[in-house]
N, C-alpha and C. Protein backbone atom coordinates (compact mmCIF):
# COMPACT_ATOMS: atom_id res chain seq x y z
N MET A 1 -39.71 -28.77 32.79
CA MET A 1 -40.12 -27.31 32.96
C MET A 1 -38.05 -26.74 31.68
N ASN A 2 -38.21 -25.68 31.76
CA ASN A 2 -36.37 -26.26 29.98
C ASN A 2 -35.96 -24.70 30.58
N ASP A 3 -34.32 -25.68 31.26
CA ASP A 3 -33.69 -24.25 31.93
C ASP A 3 -32.33 -23.77 30.59
N ARG A 4 -32.51 -23.14 30.53
CA ARG A 4 -31.12 -22.84 29.47
C ARG A 4 -29.86 -22.49 30.18
N ASN A 5 -28.83 -22.06 29.86
CA ASN A 5 -27.88 -21.38 30.40
C ASN A 5 -27.43 -19.84 29.06
N PRO A 6 -27.15 -19.21 29.52
CA PRO A 6 -26.90 -18.15 28.89
C PRO A 6 -25.70 -18.14 28.08
N ILE A 7 -25.07 -18.24 29.43
CA ILE A 7 -23.51 -18.39 29.00
C ILE A 7 -23.34 -19.63 27.52
N SER A 8 -23.71 -20.06 27.96
CA SER A 8 -23.74 -21.35 26.31
C SER A 8 -23.59 -20.77 24.90
N TYR A 9 -24.75 -19.87 25.05
CA TYR A 9 -25.24 -19.12 24.34
C TYR A 9 -24.00 -18.04 23.69
N ILE A 10 -23.58 -17.22 24.58
CA ILE A 10 -22.78 -16.55 24.87
C ILE A 10 -21.29 -17.11 24.45
N LEU A 11 -21.36 -17.38 24.77
CA LEU A 11 -19.56 -18.63 24.34
C LEU A 11 -20.05 -19.06 23.14
N THR A 12 -20.87 -19.77 22.61
CA THR A 12 -21.30 -20.00 21.57
C THR A 12 -20.42 -18.90 20.51
N VAL A 13 -21.44 -18.18 19.99
CA VAL A 13 -21.96 -16.32 19.64
C VAL A 13 -20.27 -16.00 19.21
N ILE A 14 -20.17 -15.60 20.77
CA ILE A 14 -17.95 -15.41 20.38
C ILE A 14 -17.60 -16.73 19.33
N ALA A 15 -17.30 -17.30 20.26
CA ALA A 15 -15.93 -18.73 19.25
C ALA A 15 -16.82 -18.60 17.82
N THR A 16 -17.78 -18.01 17.37
CA THR A 16 -18.55 -18.26 15.94
C THR A 16 -18.12 -17.20 15.16
N ILE A 17 -18.40 -15.98 16.20
CA ILE A 17 -16.92 -15.28 15.19
C ILE A 17 -15.85 -14.91 15.44
N PHE A 18 -15.24 -15.24 16.13
CA PHE A 18 -13.82 -15.75 16.02
C PHE A 18 -13.69 -16.68 14.84
N VAL A 19 -14.04 -17.78 14.26
CA VAL A 19 -13.60 -18.63 13.82
C VAL A 19 -14.29 -17.97 12.67
N SER A 20 -15.21 -17.28 12.02
CA SER A 20 -15.69 -16.33 10.62
C SER A 20 -14.36 -15.35 10.00
N VAL A 21 -14.37 -14.81 11.16
CA VAL A 21 -12.45 -13.64 10.96
C VAL A 21 -11.72 -14.27 10.78
N GLY A 22 -11.95 -15.87 11.38
CA GLY A 22 -9.93 -16.23 10.91
C GLY A 22 -10.25 -17.13 9.75
N ALA A 23 -11.48 -17.72 9.23
CA ALA A 23 -11.43 -18.08 7.94
C ALA A 23 -11.45 -17.25 7.46
N LEU A 24 -12.38 -16.20 6.97
CA LEU A 24 -12.05 -14.67 6.22
C LEU A 24 -10.47 -14.38 6.40
N TRP A 25 -10.33 -14.29 7.13
CA TRP A 25 -8.82 -13.76 7.11
C TRP A 25 -7.51 -14.52 6.45
N TYR A 26 -7.82 -16.18 6.35
CA TYR A 26 -6.71 -16.82 5.71
C TYR A 26 -7.68 -17.09 4.16
N TYR A 27 -8.86 -17.07 3.98
CA TYR A 27 -9.41 -17.18 2.08
C TYR A 27 -8.25 -16.13 1.99
N GLY A 28 -7.93 -15.04 2.25
CA GLY A 28 -7.51 -14.10 1.82
C GLY A 28 -9.40 -12.34 1.58
N TYR A 29 -9.54 -12.46 2.69
CA TYR A 29 -11.32 -11.85 2.30
C TYR A 29 -11.11 -10.95 3.52
N LEU A 30 -10.14 -10.76 4.65
CA LEU A 30 -10.09 -9.77 5.59
C LEU A 30 -8.58 -10.01 5.37
N HIS A 31 -8.25 -7.87 5.43
CA HIS A 31 -6.45 -8.27 5.32
C HIS A 31 -6.74 -7.01 6.76
N PHE A 32 -5.53 -6.94 7.92
CA PHE A 32 -5.20 -6.02 8.88
C PHE A 32 -3.85 -5.65 7.99
N ALA A 33 -4.01 -4.73 7.74
CA ALA A 33 -3.21 -3.36 7.35
C ALA A 33 -1.61 -2.45 8.62
N LYS A 34 -0.58 -3.14 7.89
CA LYS A 34 0.05 -3.10 8.42
C LYS A 34 0.40 -1.19 8.71
N PRO A 35 1.20 -0.44 9.37
CA PRO A 35 1.93 0.54 8.83
C PRO A 35 3.14 0.66 7.76
N GLU A 36 4.08 -1.04 8.50
CA GLU A 36 4.60 -0.80 7.28
C GLU A 36 4.41 -1.67 5.72
N ASP A 37 2.52 -1.44 5.95
CA ASP A 37 1.99 -2.15 4.55
C ASP A 37 1.73 -0.21 3.61
N ALA A 38 2.01 0.69 4.41
CA ALA A 38 1.78 2.09 2.94
C ALA A 38 2.59 3.04 3.36
N ARG A 39 2.59 3.42 2.11
CA ARG A 39 3.96 4.39 1.87
C ARG A 39 3.53 5.85 1.94
N LEU A 40 3.31 6.49 1.93
CA LEU A 40 3.08 7.58 2.94
C LEU A 40 3.76 8.99 1.21
N LEU A 41 3.27 9.90 0.68
CA LEU A 41 3.50 10.75 -0.36
C LEU A 41 5.13 11.47 1.34
N ALA A 42 4.44 12.33 2.10
CA ALA A 42 5.60 12.62 2.00
C ALA A 42 7.00 11.69 2.64
N GLU A 43 7.12 10.69 2.91
CA GLU A 43 8.17 9.78 2.82
C GLU A 43 9.43 10.51 1.76
N PHE A 44 8.69 11.08 0.53
CA PHE A 44 9.21 11.43 -0.26
C PHE A 44 9.74 12.45 -0.95
N THR A 45 10.74 13.12 -0.97
CA THR A 45 11.28 14.58 -1.17
C THR A 45 11.77 15.45 -2.35
N MET A 46 11.21 15.91 -3.32
CA MET A 46 11.77 16.52 -4.65
C MET A 46 12.94 17.27 -4.59
N LEU A 47 14.18 16.91 -4.80
CA LEU A 47 14.89 18.04 -4.78
C LEU A 47 15.17 18.88 -6.27
N LYS A 48 14.81 19.92 -5.83
CA LYS A 48 15.12 20.86 -7.33
C LYS A 48 16.27 21.36 -7.33
N SER A 49 16.58 20.88 -8.39
CA SER A 49 18.30 21.18 -9.74
C SER A 49 18.20 22.79 -9.53
N ILE A 50 19.16 23.81 -8.88
CA ILE A 50 18.97 24.70 -9.42
C ILE A 50 20.92 25.27 -9.79
N PRO A 51 20.69 26.27 -10.46
CA PRO A 51 21.68 25.73 -11.22
C PRO A 51 23.27 26.83 -10.54
N GLY A 52 24.28 25.82 -10.60
CA GLY A 52 25.37 26.46 -9.60
C GLY A 52 25.61 25.77 -8.45
N GLU A 53 24.38 24.64 -7.60
CA GLU A 53 23.84 24.99 -6.10
C GLU A 53 24.62 23.12 -6.33
N ASP A 54 25.26 22.71 -4.34
CA ASP A 54 25.42 21.49 -4.79
C ASP A 54 24.95 20.81 -3.96
N VAL A 55 24.10 19.50 -4.54
CA VAL A 55 22.91 18.29 -4.18
C VAL A 55 23.37 17.60 -3.47
N LYS A 56 23.97 17.39 -2.20
CA LYS A 56 23.97 16.28 -1.62
C LYS A 56 23.44 15.16 -1.46
N LEU A 57 23.09 14.02 -1.37
CA LEU A 57 22.78 12.38 -1.59
C LEU A 57 23.66 11.77 -0.53
N ALA A 58 22.64 10.53 -0.40
CA ALA A 58 23.66 9.85 0.45
C ALA A 58 24.02 8.48 -0.77
N LEU A 59 25.56 8.19 0.00
CA LEU A 59 25.75 6.47 -1.28
C LEU A 59 25.02 5.44 -1.28
N GLU A 60 23.99 5.65 0.15
CA GLU A 60 23.65 3.95 -0.29
C GLU A 60 22.11 4.17 -0.88
N PRO A 61 21.73 3.92 -1.99
CA PRO A 61 20.72 3.19 -2.28
C PRO A 61 18.78 3.79 -1.62
N ALA A 62 17.16 3.89 -1.92
CA ALA A 62 16.77 3.30 -1.50
C ALA A 62 15.65 2.52 -1.77
N ASP A 63 15.41 2.65 -1.11
CA ASP A 63 14.69 0.74 -0.65
C ASP A 63 14.03 0.56 -1.56
N GLN A 64 13.25 1.55 -1.95
CA GLN A 64 12.21 1.48 -3.96
C GLN A 64 12.98 0.96 -4.77
N GLN A 65 12.95 1.62 -6.26
CA GLN A 65 13.22 1.60 -6.59
C GLN A 65 11.54 1.57 -8.12
N ALA A 66 12.57 2.24 -8.41
CA ALA A 66 11.13 3.25 -9.79
C ALA A 66 10.80 2.60 -11.79
N GLN A 67 9.81 1.97 -11.98
CA GLN A 67 10.03 2.22 -12.96
C GLN A 67 8.42 2.74 -14.21
N CYS A 68 9.46 3.07 -15.33
CA CYS A 68 7.61 3.78 -15.65
C CYS A 68 6.87 2.25 -16.66
N VAL A 69 5.18 2.27 -16.41
CA VAL A 69 4.58 1.63 -16.71
C VAL A 69 3.57 1.54 -17.21
N ASP A 70 3.52 2.19 -18.14
CA ASP A 70 2.17 2.88 -18.58
C ASP A 70 1.56 4.26 -18.73
N GLY A 71 3.19 5.20 -18.77
CA GLY A 71 3.03 6.16 -19.05
C GLY A 71 3.13 6.38 -17.45
N VAL A 72 2.73 5.81 -16.64
CA VAL A 72 2.64 6.16 -14.82
C VAL A 72 4.47 5.78 -14.34
N LEU A 73 4.65 5.85 -13.42
CA LEU A 73 5.70 5.61 -12.24
C LEU A 73 5.18 5.14 -11.49
N VAL A 74 5.87 3.82 -10.98
CA VAL A 74 4.93 2.89 -10.27
C VAL A 74 6.99 2.27 -9.35
N MET A 75 6.17 2.45 -7.65
CA MET A 75 6.98 2.49 -7.22
C MET A 75 7.33 1.23 -6.73
N PHE A 76 8.87 -0.16 -6.20
CA PHE A 76 8.27 -1.04 -6.33
C PHE A 76 9.27 -0.90 -5.08
N ASP A 77 9.06 -1.57 -3.50
CA ASP A 77 9.83 -1.73 -2.54
C ASP A 77 10.90 -3.15 -3.01
N MET A 78 11.64 -3.08 -2.16
CA MET A 78 12.86 -4.14 -2.15
C MET A 78 12.99 -4.50 -0.71
N SER A 79 12.78 -4.10 0.26
CA SER A 79 12.43 -4.40 1.74
C SER A 79 11.39 -5.43 0.88
N GLN A 80 9.92 -5.07 1.03
CA GLN A 80 9.21 -6.22 0.66
C GLN A 80 7.87 -7.41 0.00
N LYS A 81 8.87 -7.40 -0.95
CA LYS A 81 8.51 -8.03 -1.65
C LYS A 81 7.30 -8.38 -2.33
N GLY A 82 6.72 -8.04 -3.14
CA GLY A 82 5.11 -7.70 -4.37
C GLY A 82 4.48 -6.51 -3.37
N LEU A 83 4.78 -5.61 -1.97
CA LEU A 83 4.73 -3.93 -2.47
C LEU A 83 5.07 -3.75 -3.42
N THR A 84 3.85 -2.20 -3.92
CA THR A 84 4.42 -1.64 -4.95
C THR A 84 3.02 -0.62 -4.81
N GLY A 85 3.29 0.53 -5.53
CA GLY A 85 2.22 0.96 -5.90
C GLY A 85 2.60 2.28 -6.62
N VAL A 86 1.76 3.14 -6.79
CA VAL A 86 1.96 4.44 -7.81
C VAL A 86 2.25 5.91 -6.90
N LEU A 87 3.61 6.53 -7.59
CA LEU A 87 3.77 7.86 -7.25
C LEU A 87 2.33 8.89 -7.53
N VAL A 88 1.90 9.56 -6.81
CA VAL A 88 1.25 10.02 -6.21
C VAL A 88 1.46 11.63 -5.69
N ASP A 89 0.52 13.46 -5.88
CA ASP A 89 1.00 13.90 -5.39
C ASP A 89 -0.64 14.18 -4.40
N SER A 90 -0.13 15.94 -3.68
CA SER A 90 -1.07 16.00 -2.85
C SER A 90 -2.99 16.08 -3.23
N ARG A 91 -2.59 15.40 -4.45
CA ARG A 91 -3.55 15.37 -5.23
C ARG A 91 -4.40 13.96 -5.41
N LYS A 92 -3.69 13.31 -5.16
CA LYS A 92 -4.18 12.38 -5.86
C LYS A 92 -3.84 12.41 -7.52
N ARG A 93 -2.40 13.09 -7.82
CA ARG A 93 -3.08 12.43 -8.92
C ARG A 93 -1.38 11.74 -9.24
N ALA A 94 -1.79 11.30 -10.25
CA ALA A 94 0.36 10.28 -10.77
C ALA A 94 1.02 10.67 -11.23
N VAL A 95 1.83 11.07 -11.03
CA VAL A 95 3.47 10.96 -11.43
C VAL A 95 3.27 10.39 -13.14
N ARG A 96 3.15 11.02 -13.99
CA ARG A 96 3.75 10.82 -15.25
C ARG A 96 5.17 10.75 -15.71
N CYS A 97 5.65 9.60 -16.81
CA CYS A 97 6.75 9.87 -16.82
C CYS A 97 6.88 9.85 -17.94
N MET A 98 7.78 10.49 -18.15
CA MET A 98 8.70 11.02 -19.26
C MET A 98 8.68 10.04 -20.57
N GLY A 99 8.61 10.51 -21.85
CA GLY A 99 9.06 9.56 -23.31
C GLY A 99 8.36 7.75 -22.96
N GLN A 100 7.64 8.69 -22.34
CA GLN A 100 6.31 7.46 -22.85
C GLN A 100 5.03 7.83 -23.03
N GLU A 101 4.39 7.45 -24.16
CA GLU A 101 3.06 7.89 -24.41
C GLU A 101 1.50 7.21 -22.68
N THR A 102 0.71 8.26 -22.60
CA THR A 102 0.17 8.59 -20.96
C THR A 102 -0.87 7.34 -22.09
N PRO A 103 -1.40 6.48 -20.87
CA PRO A 103 -3.19 5.83 -22.08
C PRO A 103 -3.42 6.59 -21.92
N GLN A 104 -4.81 6.53 -22.38
CA GLN A 104 -5.74 7.32 -23.61
C GLN A 104 -6.42 6.33 -23.37
N GLU A 105 -7.39 6.76 -22.75
CA GLU A 105 -9.44 7.00 -21.62
C GLU A 105 -9.81 5.52 -23.15
N VAL A 106 -9.93 4.27 -23.07
CA VAL A 106 -10.79 3.97 -23.81
C VAL A 106 -12.92 3.82 -23.77
N LYS A 107 -12.85 4.76 -24.58
CA LYS A 107 -14.62 5.31 -24.91
C LYS A 107 -15.62 4.04 -25.15
């Protein structure tokens, strides 16, 4: 008679799952997103300039810098190297840069 221990099978399955997830994460195929990885549009506010009204700004600069890349405003985070993103409005449309040509779709 062949006695089989179901606990060893269950432990093998659990260990296999952990090893698979660990290997996928190590080689970059799996990424666990952290809250600091995302930048929401709600964090940015556009201040409208009204003639005759003073606008008060903080003296220290923000952790982000913007640059115009191919006619689109790209934000670079200086506190977390390598974190970049495109500034979009509430309808996910990219904010364009003035003075540069907008990229055209190749047909």
